[in-house]
Amino acid sequence: MKKDPKAQISRRQFLKASALAVVSLSVVGGAAFWLKKQSTIKDKGLLRPPGAIPEEDFLFACIKCGLCVQICPVQAIKLADWDTGLAYGTPYIDADVQACDFSCDSIQCAETCPTAALNFQIFRKAGEDALERLYKKYPNRKLPPQMNPFVVQIYAMKRAYKMGVAKVRTDQCLAYHGKGYEGPITKHKAILRPPGEKERIRTDQTHVKREICDLCVIYCPLEQDAIVLEKVEENKYLPQVKEGCVGCGVCEMVCPTQPKAIYVEPEKFSV
């Protein structure tokens, strides 16, 4: 029985197409593996914005829309560059340049995230739980005049998620060497709202003078819950990071030494 030439051509085309598909899948698979490897290597140094879900899920949940970048009032959030593999275009914070000072109060970056790659429910629940505890203490909801339920709620929300944790380099710390600091809070332009204040300030335009350098302590938005300055020897002091530290990065931003005496180590990611 004579074979149909058209069938032979079709079979030949099918085999070629199959081979091409296998090669294509290999290339795509290899590229995906490379990108994932790049992400695994490079992403571990990225400080994600508040509410970020575990890294492996975050990389696929984030649609790189940039809404968190646009809504951040201190412009702390940036988008990762091309050399970060799968993390390209995803949001991160460079605390050395501009930290998250929580001056937005409602954690808008997480609230506005359309895919919950930044999970606002963490903060919502923390705020609701804080109000529930407050109203249990005051069942009739007649709070003292100085007590603002909104402040109580925000206080709990800011402490609800750990972006990272501050680490201290003793040899670089001015306080440990008994030295003070005089000059602008930062030599580069950055925005900060000092604890207890309503207005934000330009750090390069704000002059400070401290007999013993304690900028990381006095400007921490979580104050003594997160960091205190303790005397370790005569004329030697050292910042002590507390359990309440969430890794916002303000301490790193305002530290005047180079390299930084205090820096934020991002949370370990499950990649």
Protein backbone atom coordinates (compact mmCIF):
# COMPACT_ATOMS: atom_id res chain seq x y z
CA MET A 1 0.00 0.00 0.00
CA LYS A 2 1.45 3.31 -1.11
CA LYS A 3 1.87 5.91 1.62
CA ASP A 4 0.29 9.29 1.16
CA PRO A 5 3.10 11.88 0.60
CA LYS A 6 0.99 14.49 2.43
CA ALA A 7 0.76 12.21 5.45
CA GLN A 8 4.54 11.76 5.41
CA ILE A 9 5.03 15.52 5.30
CA SER A 10 2.56 15.98 8.10
CA ARG A 11 4.33 13.32 10.15
CA ARG A 12 7.68 14.95 9.45
CA GLN A 13 6.29 18.36 10.46
CA PHE A 14 4.82 16.84 13.61
CA LEU A 15 8.18 15.32 14.61
CA LYS A 16 9.95 18.63 13.94
CA ALA A 17 7.33 20.52 15.92
CA SER A 18 7.61 18.03 18.79
CA ALA A 19 11.39 18.35 18.85
CA LEU A 20 11.11 22.13 18.79
CA ALA A 21 8.58 22.02 21.63
CA VAL A 22 10.91 19.86 23.73
CA VAL A 23 13.81 22.26 23.11
CA SER A 24 11.58 25.25 23.86
CA LEU A 25 10.35 23.73 27.10
CA SER A 26 13.93 22.97 28.09
CA VAL A 27 14.94 26.56 27.42
CA VAL A 28 11.93 27.94 29.27
CA GLY A 29 12.47 25.52 32.14
CA GLY A 30 16.15 26.40 32.29
CA ALA A 31 15.33 30.11 32.24
CA ALA A 32 12.76 29.67 35.00
CA PHE A 33 15.28 27.71 37.06
CA TRP A 34 17.89 30.44 36.51
CA LEU A 35 15.42 33.16 37.46
CA LYS A 36 14.37 31.28 40.58
CA LYS A 37 18.02 30.71 41.49
CA GLN A 38 18.74 34.40 40.98
CA SER A 39 15.76 35.27 43.18
CA THR A 40 16.87 32.82 45.84
CA ILE A 41 20.35 34.33 45.90
CA LYS A 42 19.49 38.00 45.63
CA ASP A 43 16.06 38.29 47.28
CA LYS A 44 17.31 37.25 50.68
CA GLY A 45 18.73 40.74 51.04
CA LEU A 46 15.49 42.51 50.08
CA LEU A 47 13.52 44.17 52.85
CA ARG A 48 9.89 43.75 51.84
CA PRO A 49 7.16 46.28 52.75
CA PRO A 50 4.86 45.62 55.72
CA GLY A 51 2.57 42.61 55.39
CA ALA A 52 4.56 40.71 52.76
CA ILE A 53 3.53 37.06 52.56
CA PRO A 54 6.24 34.32 52.46
CA GLU A 55 8.72 35.07 49.68
CA GLU A 56 8.01 32.12 47.39
CA ASP A 57 4.31 33.04 47.35
CA PHE A 58 5.07 36.77 47.21
CA LEU A 59 7.05 36.44 43.97
CA PHE A 60 3.99 35.05 42.17
CA ALA A 61 1.26 36.96 44.00
CA CYS A 62 2.81 40.38 43.33
CA ILE A 63 1.66 41.70 39.94
CA LYS A 64 4.21 44.54 39.98
CA CYS A 65 1.48 47.16 39.72
CA GLY A 66 3.41 49.72 41.77
CA LEU A 67 0.40 50.91 43.79
CA CYS A 68 2.35 50.48 47.04
CA VAL A 69 5.12 52.66 45.59
CA GLN A 70 2.69 55.40 44.63
CA ILE A 71 0.78 55.48 47.91
CA CYS A 72 3.74 55.49 50.32
CA PRO A 73 3.85 59.02 51.81
CA VAL A 74 7.60 58.95 52.43
CA GLN A 75 8.48 57.19 49.16
CA ALA A 76 10.19 54.35 51.01
CA ILE A 77 9.17 51.63 48.55
CA LYS A 78 11.12 50.94 45.36
CA LEU A 79 10.84 48.32 42.63
CA ALA A 80 13.58 45.72 42.30
CA ASP A 81 15.92 45.96 39.31
CA TRP A 82 16.32 43.44 36.46
CA ASP A 83 19.25 41.59 38.07
CA THR A 84 17.05 40.17 40.85
CA GLY A 85 15.58 37.38 38.75
CA LEU A 86 11.91 36.65 39.45
CA ALA A 87 11.90 39.52 41.94
CA TYR A 88 12.26 42.04 39.09
CA GLY A 89 9.65 44.76 39.50
CA THR A 90 8.58 43.69 42.99
CA PRO A 91 8.57 46.18 45.89
CA TYR A 92 11.30 46.49 48.50
CA ILE A 93 12.66 49.08 50.94
CA ASP A 94 16.22 50.41 50.97
CA ALA A 95 16.30 51.48 54.63
CA ASP A 96 19.67 53.16 54.28
CA VAL A 97 18.14 55.66 51.84
CA GLN A 98 14.52 55.93 53.05
CA ALA A 99 13.03 53.82 55.81
CA CYS A 100 9.41 52.94 56.50
CA ASP A 101 8.62 55.28 59.41
CA PHE A 102 4.97 54.16 59.76
CA SER A 103 3.86 57.78 59.48
CA CYS A 104 1.04 56.69 57.16
CA ASP A 105 -0.64 55.20 60.27
CA SER A 106 -2.99 52.92 58.34
CA ILE A 107 -0.33 50.87 56.51
CA GLN A 108 -1.68 51.97 53.12
CA CYS A 109 0.80 49.93 51.11
CA ALA A 110 -0.77 46.72 52.42
CA GLU A 111 -4.28 48.13 52.39
CA THR A 112 -4.07 49.05 48.71
CA CYS A 113 -2.39 45.84 47.47
CA PRO A 114 -4.86 44.26 45.00
CA THR A 115 -3.56 40.68 45.32
CA ALA A 116 -2.82 40.54 49.08
CA ALA A 117 0.89 39.96 48.34
CA LEU A 118 1.03 42.55 51.13
CA ASN A 119 -1.53 41.12 53.52
CA PHE A 120 -3.52 43.86 55.26
CA GLN A 121 -5.56 41.32 57.25
CA ILE A 122 -2.61 40.95 59.65
CA PHE A 123 -2.92 44.60 60.60
CA ARG A 124 -6.71 44.69 60.54
CA LYS A 125 -6.91 41.80 62.99
CA ALA A 126 -4.27 43.36 65.27
CA GLY A 127 -6.24 46.61 65.36
CA GLU A 128 -9.56 44.87 65.99
CA ASP A 129 -8.07 42.74 68.77
CA ALA A 130 -6.59 45.83 70.43
CA LEU A 131 -9.97 47.57 70.41
CA GLU A 132 -11.67 44.48 71.77
CA ARG A 133 -9.21 44.35 74.68
CA LEU A 134 -9.71 48.07 75.26
CA TYR A 135 -13.49 47.84 75.39
CA LYS A 136 -13.34 44.85 77.71
CA LYS A 137 -11.48 47.11 80.10
CA TYR A 138 -14.08 49.84 79.58
CA PRO A 139 -17.35 47.89 78.96
CA ASN A 140 -19.48 51.02 78.74
CA ARG A 141 -17.06 52.42 76.13
CA LYS A 142 -16.59 55.57 78.19
CA LEU A 143 -12.87 56.03 77.65
CA PRO A 144 -10.75 58.53 79.56
CA PRO A 145 -10.55 61.87 77.69
CA GLN A 146 -6.86 61.39 76.87
CA MET A 147 -7.40 57.91 75.40
CA ASN A 148 -8.01 57.80 71.67
CA PRO A 149 -9.20 54.39 70.36
CA PHE A 150 -7.71 55.17 66.94
CA VAL A 151 -4.26 55.65 68.51
CA VAL A 152 -4.64 52.37 70.39
CA GLN A 153 -5.57 50.61 67.17
CA ILE A 154 -2.66 52.09 65.19
CA TYR A 155 -0.25 51.29 68.02
CA ALA A 156 -1.18 47.61 67.72
CA MET A 157 -1.14 47.59 63.91
CA LYS A 158 2.41 48.96 63.75
CA ARG A 159 3.63 46.16 65.97
CA ALA A 160 1.82 43.36 64.16
CA TYR A 161 4.32 42.37 61.49
CA LYS A 162 8.08 41.80 61.54
CA MET A 163 9.77 42.95 58.32
CA GLY A 164 13.17 42.16 59.79
CA VAL A 165 15.26 42.87 62.87
CA ALA A 166 17.91 45.46 63.67
CA LYS A 167 21.48 44.30 64.24
CA VAL A 168 24.27 46.31 65.91
CA ARG A 169 27.92 46.49 64.87
CA THR A 170 29.65 47.37 68.12
CA ASP A 171 32.93 48.46 66.54
CA GLN A 172 31.15 51.09 64.40
CA CYS A 173 28.84 52.49 67.10
CA LEU A 174 29.63 56.05 68.24
CA ALA A 175 27.85 55.53 71.55
CA TYR A 176 29.95 52.48 72.32
CA HIS A 177 33.05 54.65 71.91
CA GLY A 178 31.56 57.39 74.09
CA LYS A 179 31.12 59.78 71.17
CA GLY A 180 28.33 62.17 70.35
CA TYR A 181 26.99 63.48 67.08
CA GLU A 182 26.25 66.94 65.71
CA GLY A 183 24.86 67.64 62.27
CA PRO A 184 21.83 66.84 60.10
CA ILE A 185 19.89 63.70 60.94
CA THR A 186 20.94 62.34 57.54
CA LYS A 187 23.26 63.88 54.99
CA HIS A 188 20.93 62.87 52.16
CA LYS A 189 17.32 63.92 51.66
CA ALA A 190 14.91 61.65 53.53
CA ILE A 191 11.52 62.07 55.20
CA LEU A 192 10.76 61.19 58.81
CA ARG A 193 8.04 61.79 61.35
CA PRO A 194 9.62 61.79 64.83
CA PRO A 195 7.75 59.78 67.48
CA GLY A 196 4.91 61.76 69.04
CA GLU A 197 4.92 64.39 66.29
CA LYS A 198 2.22 65.03 63.70
CA GLU A 199 4.40 66.62 61.03
CA ARG A 200 7.11 65.02 58.93
CA ILE A 201 10.54 66.60 58.62
CA ARG A 202 13.32 66.67 56.04
CA THR A 203 16.19 64.88 57.72
CA ASP A 204 18.92 66.70 55.81
CA GLN A 205 17.49 70.03 56.95
CA THR A 206 17.12 69.15 60.64
CA HIS A 207 20.17 69.80 62.81
CA VAL A 208 20.71 67.72 65.95
CA LYS A 209 23.32 67.75 68.70
CA ARG A 210 23.73 64.74 70.99
CA GLU A 211 26.46 64.36 73.62
CA ILE A 212 26.18 60.60 73.19
CA CYS A 213 24.89 59.46 69.81
CA ASP A 214 21.43 57.95 70.26
CA LEU A 215 19.69 58.81 67.00
CA CYS A 216 18.59 55.21 66.47
CA VAL A 217 16.79 55.31 69.82
CA ILE A 218 15.17 58.75 69.75
CA TYR A 219 13.82 58.41 66.20
CA CYS A 220 12.57 54.82 66.39
CA PRO A 221 8.80 54.98 65.67
CA LEU A 222 8.18 52.10 68.09
CA GLU A 223 10.34 53.75 70.77
CA GLN A 224 11.32 51.72 73.84
CA ASP A 225 9.35 48.69 72.70
CA ALA A 226 11.94 48.22 69.98
CA ILE A 227 15.25 49.75 71.09
CA VAL A 228 16.91 51.38 74.11
CA LEU A 229 20.37 52.75 74.86
CA GLU A 230 22.06 50.94 77.73
CA LYS A 231 25.29 51.73 79.55
CA VAL A 232 27.72 48.83 79.21
CA GLU A 233 30.85 50.39 80.74
CA GLU A 234 32.05 53.77 81.94
CA ASN A 235 31.34 56.19 79.10
CA LYS A 236 30.29 53.31 76.85
CA TYR A 237 26.73 52.82 75.67
CA LEU A 238 25.16 50.43 73.23
CA PRO A 239 21.75 50.22 71.53
CA GLN A 240 19.87 47.16 72.74
CA VAL A 241 17.33 45.80 70.25
CA LYS A 242 14.14 44.56 71.91
CA GLU A 243 11.54 41.96 70.94
CA GLY A 244 9.30 44.75 69.69
CA CYS A 245 11.63 45.61 66.79
CA VAL A 246 9.82 45.05 63.49
CA GLY A 247 12.67 46.00 61.17
CA CYS A 248 11.21 49.25 59.81
CA GLY A 249 14.74 50.53 59.14
CA VAL A 250 14.57 54.01 60.68
CA CYS A 251 17.54 53.21 62.93
CA GLU A 252 19.62 52.30 59.87
CA MET A 253 18.55 55.42 58.00
CA VAL A 254 19.50 57.84 60.78
CA CYS A 255 22.73 56.11 61.86
CA PRO A 256 25.54 58.59 60.98
CA THR A 257 28.40 56.10 60.60
CA GLN A 258 29.72 54.44 57.45
CA PRO A 259 29.42 51.52 57.36
CA LYS A 260 26.27 51.66 59.45
CA ALA A 261 26.59 50.73 63.11
CA ILE A 262 23.03 49.46 63.01
CA TYR A 263 21.25 47.85 60.08
CA VAL A 264 18.15 45.77 59.39
CA GLU A 265 18.43 42.12 58.54
CA PRO A 266 15.32 41.08 56.55
CA GLU A 267 13.19 38.19 57.76
CA LYS A 268 14.36 34.83 56.45
CA PHE A 269 12.33 33.81 53.44
CA SER A 270 11.09 30.30 52.70
CA VAL A 271 12.57 30.01 49.18
